[in-house]
Each structure stands twice: as structure tokens, then as C-alpha cells.
Amino acid sequence: MSGIYSSIACNLDAHILQASLPLFEQEKVEAIEWSFDTLFRFDEIPAWFTDLVTEFSNGDRLIGHGVYFSLFSGKWSSGQQEWLDKLRRLSRQFQFDHITEHFGFMTGEDFHKGAPISIPFTSGTLALGRDRLRRIQDACQCPVGLENLAFSYSIDEVRKHGTFLNELVESVNGFIILDLHNIYCQVHNFDIAFDDIIKLYPLNKVREIHISGGSWEDTQMLPGKPVRRDTHDESVPERVFELLSEVIPKCPNLKFVVLEQLGTALGDHASQAVFQSDFLRMDSIIKSSASDSPQKSAYAFAPVTGKANAIPLEDPDLYRQQVQLSHILETAASVSEAKAMLLSSDLHNTAWEVENWAPYMLETAIAIAQKWKNGFA
């Protein structure tokens, strides 16, 4: 055993479970990551799925990954409180080794609709994120972490992301999920070298790594160079496997490496066979990298003591800007229309720096928001 667990993002999805079953039968899967807040789709949870989660929980090999909390929403919502209440109940039922969430806020008015979008990196959003992380930790009473976001509006945002994540998680003695496909997206979309990005992240705080596939999307703003999207609907690119080999020895506190893929992309035997092959490739890299990995340090991600403030922090100005941005992204018929709307909105001449957004990434943001405004498929 390498001390780094080969894991699968395993949810209540027939195709994911069909693809994973041979790996479970061979006892290759050493941990599972469960997106516990996706269960709102189901009126009833089958007993066999509860048994599966319980088995990994009892072995201290269950990690929880949130999708819908919307960490940086400027206004505290009833949906966020319900999310925390549900997490608190689940944390009494199951033993989570840690809990994580996505970076950003969810566009769309409905709590379970929209797509995660980035925010300005300011002292105000830092305070807001720290408040929310504290509440998550209060609910789960275990280590808490955040995942780096694939989408960025500008190269300046890419360069600042790792430092901002570090400042966020420090407040709860937290950690980072390093999603290597998300980094791969930024390497391509902004013509920046992997080595130049990765050195901006606090690798001593990486407790979990994600690998996945994605897709290419042509844009009118940048003909001939498609944007790389983190859509989780294809197999893992060769380059991402190479990045995994490079990064593991640099992460002294790494504990889980997780393979992610959407069930909608695993509907036939051929795609399921590729998924299994990707997992075995990932597992081989983990095992072969074990001898190169540094000795795990005494650095701990134990929850901080004390309670979060009784009243959640809010930022009315940020919330107003987020509502306007969501509306613009979900309704604009073109990039030029979106730019005109942004320049006449409350986001103009603010820390959002909408004036510096890459046009092809704004086009991509419009596509993301309009695709997911009615909820995830």
C-alpha cells in the first residue's frame, strides 16, 4: 500500500456503477468520493447504495464532495442552510475522511441550477469564503478543502488562483483538491506552461487530486484554437496522466487520487472498458510513484476549534453584481451584446475587471451558463 488511495467518484448512477463494478470485484478501488448533495434528484435511496457507502465509511475510505453549496454567493440562502443541515445529518450517519466543495458561485436563481463561475479575488470575497468554509467544517467536523476551478476569465486570474485558495483554506486548517484536468484546461486556454502554474499552488496543502477528461469547443472569438472544457465526458488525456506522475512526488500530504467521469458518458461497454483502463493506469502511476513520494509530514488538516459566527456573512454589493452577471451570461445572444451589458452593469470598473476578460473565455462562459441554467443533466 502506497499510502495514497486509488479512488473513484462514485454516485448513485447506473452507468458509473456498471463501469466500476469490475474494479470493485477485483478490490482495486481503495476509496470512493461521493457527491452527497446530488441525492436531491432521488425520492428514495436504494439500500444497496447505502450499504456501499457504509462499507467505505467503516473503512475510513469515504470522502464527500459538494457540488451545489455555491461558496461565494454574496447573499446567504435557505438552500445553503439546508445544504449544511443535510451535511450535518449525513456526517452523523457516515464517517467522512474529509469534505470538499467547488470554488466559485452558482449562476442561476434556483439553488440546484446554474454553473460554477469564478469571483474577484478581493479581501471581501476572501472573508466571505472563509465564513462559508467555517460553516461547512462546523457541520461535518472533519477536514475541509476546496477544488481549483477550471474556468478563468483572464491570465491574471489564472496566476492568482493558487494563492487565493491557500489564503482561503488556511482559515480552517484546510487543504486543496488539485484537479489536474482543470490545470490542463488553463495551460491550453491561456498558453501558459504547466510548470509556471503549478509553482503558484501550495502543494504541501494538496490532500486530494482529481483526474478526468473533457472536451474541445470551437469559439467564434478565437477561430482555429478550440477552448478546453472540463466536461468530464471523455477519457483521461495522456498529458493528464503525465502531469499526475510529475505532481505526486511534489505533494507530501496527498492521500487520495480520484478518477471522475459523468455517467452520461459511460452508457456502453466500450466507454466503460476505457474507464476501467484509465483507473488501472491511474492506480499503476500511484503505486510506481510511491517510492518517489516524500515522507508524509506531520502537517495535519484537523478541524479548528470554536464555532462560526451565528449570523452568516453577506455582501449585498457582490450579490447584486452576481445576479447581474448571471442574467447577462444566461441571456446574451452574442459576445458583443454581453460586453455591452457588462460595461453598463455594476461590474464595470470594479474588481471583476470585466474590461480585461478574454473574449473567447466570455464566449465560453455564456455557453456554460446557457447550457446549465435549467440544471445539470
Foldseek 3Di string as FASTA:
>chain_A
DLLAFQEAADEPFVLSCVLCVVCVVVVRHLAYEYQVVVCVVDPDDDPVVVVVQQVRQVVQRYAYEYEQLFQQQQDDDPVNVVVLQVLLVVLVVGPHQEYEYEAAGAFADDSQFGHGDHDFLDPVSLVSNLLSQQSNCVRNQHAYAYEQALADQFPVCLLCRQVSRVSNRVSFLHAYAYELVSLVLCCQVHVDDSVSRVVSHPLQRHAEYEFAAFDWAADPLDPPRTGTDPPQQAGGDPVSLVVLLVRQQVRLNYHYYYYGHDSVNRPDPVRSVSSVVSSVSSSVSSVVCSVSHDHRDPRDRRGDDDHRDPDRRHDVLRNQVSNQLSCLLQDPPALVSSLVSCCVDSNHPDSVPSVRGRSRSSVVSSVRRNVGNVHDD
